[in-house]
């Protein structure tokens, strides 16, 4: 993804029509060294740009741009942790 395309994505309202209902999609950008903690509730994490390191249920997953993973609730007391992998930010959305 070029910087120009990435800037266009961030400037769009990013509404997606889904079976006659509009769903607003929020893009989240995590810089290297930052973490996001999410309570899993059957959301789908979609990586738009960069690479995400996702720790869920005691296991680590690497999700690259264009790929996704299901955030499944579990009995752990810890939320899902999302981080940027490497020295580049990661941009993702939760559906």
N, C-alpha and C. Protein backbone atom coordinates (compact mmCIF):
# COMPACT_ATOMS: atom_id res chain seq x y z
N UNK A 1 0.85 -1.16 0.00
CA UNK A 1 0.00 0.00 0.00
C UNK A 1 0.90 1.23 0.00
N UNK A 2 0.63 2.14 -0.91
CA UNK A 2 1.45 3.34 -0.96
C UNK A 2 1.00 4.31 0.11
N UNK A 3 1.88 5.27 0.42
CA UNK A 3 1.53 6.28 1.42
C UNK A 3 0.33 7.09 0.97
N UNK A 4 0.24 7.36 -0.34
CA UNK A 4 -0.89 8.12 -0.85
C UNK A 4 -2.19 7.34 -0.63
N UNK A 5 -2.21 6.04 -0.96
CA UNK A 5 -3.40 5.23 -0.75
C UNK A 5 -3.74 5.15 0.73
N UNK A 6 -2.74 5.01 1.58
CA UNK A 6 -2.97 4.91 3.01
C UNK A 6 -3.58 6.21 3.54
N UNK A 7 -3.09 7.35 3.05
CA UNK A 7 -3.65 8.64 3.46
C UNK A 7 -5.10 8.75 3.01
N UNK A 8 -5.41 8.24 1.83
CA UNK A 8 -6.78 8.29 1.34
C UNK A 8 -7.69 7.43 2.21
N UNK A 9 -7.23 6.27 2.64
CA UNK A 9 -8.04 5.41 3.50
C UNK A 9 -8.34 6.12 4.80
N UNK A 10 -7.34 6.78 5.39
CA UNK A 10 -7.55 7.47 6.66
C UNK A 10 -8.50 8.65 6.52
N UNK A 11 -8.60 9.23 5.30
CA UNK A 11 -9.45 10.40 5.13
C UNK A 11 -10.88 10.01 4.74
N UNK A 12 -11.12 8.77 4.39
CA UNK A 12 -12.46 8.33 4.02
C UNK A 12 -13.30 8.05 5.25
N UNK A 13 -14.61 8.26 5.17
CA UNK A 13 -15.47 7.89 6.29
C UNK A 13 -15.55 6.37 6.45
N UNK A 14 -15.20 5.62 5.42
CA UNK A 14 -15.07 4.17 5.45
C UNK A 14 -16.36 3.48 5.90
N UNK A 15 -17.48 3.88 5.29
CA UNK A 15 -18.74 3.19 5.55
C UNK A 15 -18.90 2.07 4.53
N UNK A 16 -19.29 0.91 5.00
CA UNK A 16 -19.44 -0.26 4.15
C UNK A 16 -20.89 -0.71 4.22
N UNK A 17 -21.53 -0.83 3.06
CA UNK A 17 -22.91 -1.32 3.05
C UNK A 17 -22.89 -2.83 3.23
N UNK A 18 -23.68 -3.33 4.14
CA UNK A 18 -23.69 -4.76 4.43
C UNK A 18 -25.13 -5.19 4.63
N UNK A 19 -25.69 -5.89 3.64
CA UNK A 19 -27.07 -6.37 3.64
C UNK A 19 -28.04 -5.28 4.11
N UNK A 20 -28.06 -4.18 3.35
CA UNK A 20 -28.97 -3.05 3.56
C UNK A 20 -28.73 -2.28 4.85
N UNK A 21 -27.68 -2.58 5.58
CA UNK A 21 -27.37 -1.83 6.80
C UNK A 21 -25.98 -1.25 6.66
N UNK A 22 -25.81 0.01 7.04
CA UNK A 22 -24.48 0.60 6.97
C UNK A 22 -23.73 0.36 8.27
N UNK A 23 -22.48 -0.03 8.12
CA UNK A 23 -21.63 -0.29 9.28
C UNK A 23 -20.42 0.63 9.16
N UNK A 24 -20.19 1.46 10.15
CA UNK A 24 -19.01 2.33 10.15
C UNK A 24 -17.82 1.53 10.65
N UNK A 25 -16.73 1.58 9.91
CA UNK A 25 -15.53 0.84 10.27
C UNK A 25 -14.49 1.83 10.77
N UNK A 26 -13.99 1.62 11.97
CA UNK A 26 -12.98 2.50 12.54
C UNK A 26 -11.61 1.88 12.33
N UNK A 27 -10.70 2.65 11.75
CA UNK A 27 -9.33 2.20 11.57
C UNK A 27 -8.52 2.60 12.79
N UNK A 28 -7.72 1.68 13.28
CA UNK A 28 -6.85 1.93 14.43
C UNK A 28 -5.42 1.81 13.97
N UNK A 29 -4.59 2.80 14.29
CA UNK A 29 -3.17 2.74 13.96
C UNK A 29 -2.37 2.65 15.26
N UNK A 30 -1.58 1.59 15.35
CA UNK A 30 -0.71 1.40 16.52
C UNK A 30 0.73 1.62 16.08
N UNK A 31 1.41 2.48 16.79
CA UNK A 31 2.82 2.72 16.51
C UNK A 31 3.67 1.64 17.19
N UNK A 32 4.88 1.43 16.71
CA UNK A 32 5.75 0.44 17.36
C UNK A 32 5.92 0.75 18.84
N UNK A 33 5.92 -0.27 19.66
CA UNK A 33 6.09 -0.10 21.09
C UNK A 33 4.80 0.15 21.85
N UNK A 34 3.68 0.28 21.13
CA UNK A 34 2.38 0.50 21.77
C UNK A 34 1.56 -0.78 21.70
N UNK A 35 0.65 -0.94 22.66
CA UNK A 35 -0.22 -2.11 22.69
C UNK A 35 -1.67 -1.67 22.78
N UNK A 36 -2.54 -2.48 22.23
CA UNK A 36 -3.99 -2.27 22.39
C UNK A 36 -4.53 -3.53 23.04
N UNK A 37 -5.41 -3.36 24.01
CA UNK A 37 -6.02 -4.49 24.71
C UNK A 37 -7.51 -4.51 24.39
N UNK A 38 -7.98 -5.66 23.92
CA UNK A 38 -9.35 -5.78 23.45
C UNK A 38 -10.01 -6.96 24.15
N UNK A 39 -11.21 -6.74 24.66
CA UNK A 39 -11.98 -7.86 25.21
C UNK A 39 -12.61 -8.59 24.03
N UNK A 40 -12.23 -9.83 23.84
CA UNK A 40 -12.69 -10.61 22.68
C UNK A 40 -14.17 -10.92 22.81
N UNK A 41 -14.87 -10.73 21.71
CA UNK A 41 -16.29 -11.03 21.66
C UNK A 41 -16.70 -11.45 20.26
N UNK A 42 -15.96 -12.35 19.66
CA UNK A 42 -16.21 -12.85 18.31
C UNK A 42 -16.03 -11.78 17.23
N UNK A 43 -15.14 -10.81 17.47
CA UNK A 43 -14.83 -9.83 16.44
C UNK A 43 -13.82 -10.43 15.47
N UNK A 44 -13.78 -9.83 14.28
CA UNK A 44 -12.76 -10.20 13.31
C UNK A 44 -11.78 -9.04 13.22
N UNK A 45 -10.51 -9.32 13.45
CA UNK A 45 -9.45 -8.33 13.32
C UNK A 45 -8.93 -8.41 11.90
N UNK A 46 -8.97 -7.30 11.17
CA UNK A 46 -8.48 -7.24 9.79
C UNK A 46 -7.32 -6.26 9.76
N UNK A 47 -6.15 -6.72 9.33
CA UNK A 47 -4.97 -5.86 9.23
C UNK A 47 -4.96 -5.19 7.86
N UNK A 48 -4.96 -3.86 7.88
CA UNK A 48 -4.98 -3.07 6.66
C UNK A 48 -3.57 -2.80 6.15
N UNK A 49 -2.66 -2.47 7.08
CA UNK A 49 -1.29 -2.12 6.71
C UNK A 49 -0.35 -2.52 7.85
N UNK A 50 0.81 -3.04 7.51
CA UNK A 50 1.78 -3.46 8.52
C UNK A 50 1.54 -4.90 8.96
N UNK A 51 2.12 -5.25 10.10
CA UNK A 51 2.01 -6.61 10.64
C UNK A 51 1.62 -6.50 12.12
N UNK A 52 0.60 -7.26 12.51
CA UNK A 52 0.13 -7.25 13.90
C UNK A 52 0.60 -8.51 14.62
N UNK A 53 1.01 -8.33 15.85
CA UNK A 53 1.33 -9.44 16.74
C UNK A 53 0.17 -9.51 17.72
N UNK A 54 -0.58 -10.60 17.67
CA UNK A 54 -1.78 -10.76 18.49
C UNK A 54 -1.55 -11.87 19.49
N UNK A 55 -1.70 -11.56 20.77
CA UNK A 55 -1.61 -12.57 21.83
C UNK A 55 -3.02 -12.80 22.35
N UNK A 56 -3.47 -14.06 22.22
CA UNK A 56 -4.84 -14.41 22.57
C UNK A 56 -4.86 -15.82 23.13
N UNK A 57 -5.44 -15.97 24.30
CA UNK A 57 -5.55 -17.30 24.90
C UNK A 57 -4.21 -17.95 25.17
N UNK A 58 -3.19 -17.13 25.47
CA UNK A 58 -1.87 -17.67 25.76
C UNK A 58 -1.06 -18.04 24.53
N UNK A 59 -1.58 -17.75 23.34
CA UNK A 59 -0.87 -18.07 22.10
C UNK A 59 -0.64 -16.79 21.30
N UNK A 60 0.48 -16.76 20.57
CA UNK A 60 0.82 -15.62 19.74
C UNK A 60 0.47 -15.92 18.28
N UNK A 61 -0.03 -14.89 17.60
CA UNK A 61 -0.39 -15.00 16.18
C UNK A 61 0.19 -13.79 15.46
N UNK A 62 0.72 -14.00 14.26
CA UNK A 62 1.24 -12.92 13.44
C UNK A 62 0.29 -12.76 12.26
N UNK A 63 -0.30 -11.56 12.14
CA UNK A 63 -1.28 -11.29 11.09
C UNK A 63 -0.73 -10.15 10.23
N UNK A 64 -0.57 -10.40 8.93
CA UNK A 64 -0.01 -9.38 8.04
C UNK A 64 -1.11 -8.68 7.26
N UNK A 65 -0.75 -7.58 6.61
CA UNK A 65 -1.70 -6.78 5.84
C UNK A 65 -2.46 -7.66 4.86
N UNK A 66 -3.78 -7.49 4.84
CA UNK A 66 -4.63 -8.27 3.95
C UNK A 66 -5.19 -9.52 4.60
N UNK A 67 -4.66 -9.90 5.77
CA UNK A 67 -5.13 -11.09 6.46
C UNK A 67 -5.98 -10.70 7.66
N UNK A 68 -6.66 -11.69 8.22
CA UNK A 68 -7.51 -11.43 9.39
C UNK A 68 -7.49 -12.62 10.32
N UNK A 69 -8.01 -12.42 11.53
CA UNK A 69 -8.17 -13.51 12.47
C UNK A 69 -9.40 -13.23 13.34
N UNK A 70 -9.99 -14.27 13.84
CA UNK A 70 -11.16 -14.18 14.71
C UNK A 70 -10.70 -14.03 16.15
N UNK A 71 -11.21 -13.03 16.85
CA UNK A 71 -10.91 -12.85 18.26
C UNK A 71 -11.98 -13.59 19.04
N UNK A 72 -11.60 -14.71 19.61
CA UNK A 72 -12.55 -15.60 20.27
C UNK A 72 -12.46 -15.42 21.78
N UNK A 73 -13.62 -15.23 22.44
CA UNK A 73 -13.58 -15.12 23.90
C UNK A 73 -13.12 -16.44 24.52
N UNK A 74 -12.38 -16.32 25.61
CA UNK A 74 -11.94 -17.53 26.30
C UNK A 74 -12.06 -17.30 27.80
N UNK A 75 -11.67 -18.26 28.56
CA UNK A 75 -11.81 -18.17 30.01
C UNK A 75 -10.64 -17.46 30.67
N UNK A 76 -9.67 -17.01 29.87
CA UNK A 76 -8.52 -16.28 30.45
C UNK A 76 -9.00 -14.98 31.06
N UNK A 77 -8.32 -14.56 32.06
CA UNK A 77 -8.65 -13.26 32.65
C UNK A 77 -7.97 -12.13 31.90
N UNK A 78 -7.14 -12.47 30.92
CA UNK A 78 -6.40 -11.46 30.17
C UNK A 78 -7.11 -11.14 28.85
N UNK A 79 -7.16 -9.87 28.48
CA UNK A 79 -7.74 -9.51 27.18
C UNK A 79 -6.77 -9.84 26.05
N UNK A 80 -7.25 -9.74 24.83
CA UNK A 80 -6.40 -9.92 23.64
C UNK A 80 -5.48 -8.71 23.57
N UNK A 81 -4.20 -8.97 23.31
CA UNK A 81 -3.20 -7.89 23.18
C UNK A 81 -2.79 -7.80 21.71
N UNK A 82 -2.88 -6.60 21.16
CA UNK A 82 -2.49 -6.35 19.77
C UNK A 82 -1.32 -5.37 19.78
N UNK A 83 -0.27 -5.71 19.03
CA UNK A 83 0.93 -4.87 18.94
C UNK A 83 1.39 -4.79 17.50
N UNK A 84 2.16 -3.74 17.18
CA UNK A 84 2.81 -3.65 15.88
C UNK A 84 4.07 -4.50 15.93
N UNK A 85 4.29 -5.30 14.91
CA UNK A 85 5.48 -6.14 14.87
C UNK A 85 6.53 -5.44 14.03
N UNK A 86 7.72 -5.32 14.55
CA UNK A 86 8.81 -4.65 13.84
C UNK A 86 8.82 -3.16 14.13
N UNK A 87 9.46 -2.41 13.25
CA UNK A 87 9.62 -0.97 13.45
C UNK A 87 8.61 -0.14 12.67
N UNK A 88 7.52 -0.77 12.25
CA UNK A 88 6.51 -0.08 11.45
C UNK A 88 5.18 -0.14 12.17
N UNK A 89 4.38 0.92 12.03
CA UNK A 89 3.04 0.93 12.61
C UNK A 89 2.16 -0.13 11.95
N UNK A 90 1.12 -0.54 12.65
CA UNK A 90 0.13 -1.45 12.09
C UNK A 90 -1.22 -0.73 12.11
N UNK A 91 -1.95 -0.85 11.03
CA UNK A 91 -3.30 -0.28 10.93
C UNK A 91 -4.27 -1.45 10.80
N UNK A 92 -5.30 -1.46 11.66
CA UNK A 92 -6.26 -2.56 11.64
C UNK A 92 -7.66 -2.05 11.95
N UNK A 93 -8.61 -2.92 11.75
CA UNK A 93 -9.99 -2.63 12.11
C UNK A 93 -10.60 -3.87 12.75
N UNK A 94 -11.60 -3.67 13.56
CA UNK A 94 -12.34 -4.77 14.17
C UNK A 94 -13.75 -4.74 13.62
N UNK A 95 -14.24 -5.88 13.17
CA UNK A 95 -15.61 -5.99 12.65
C UNK A 95 -16.43 -6.84 13.58
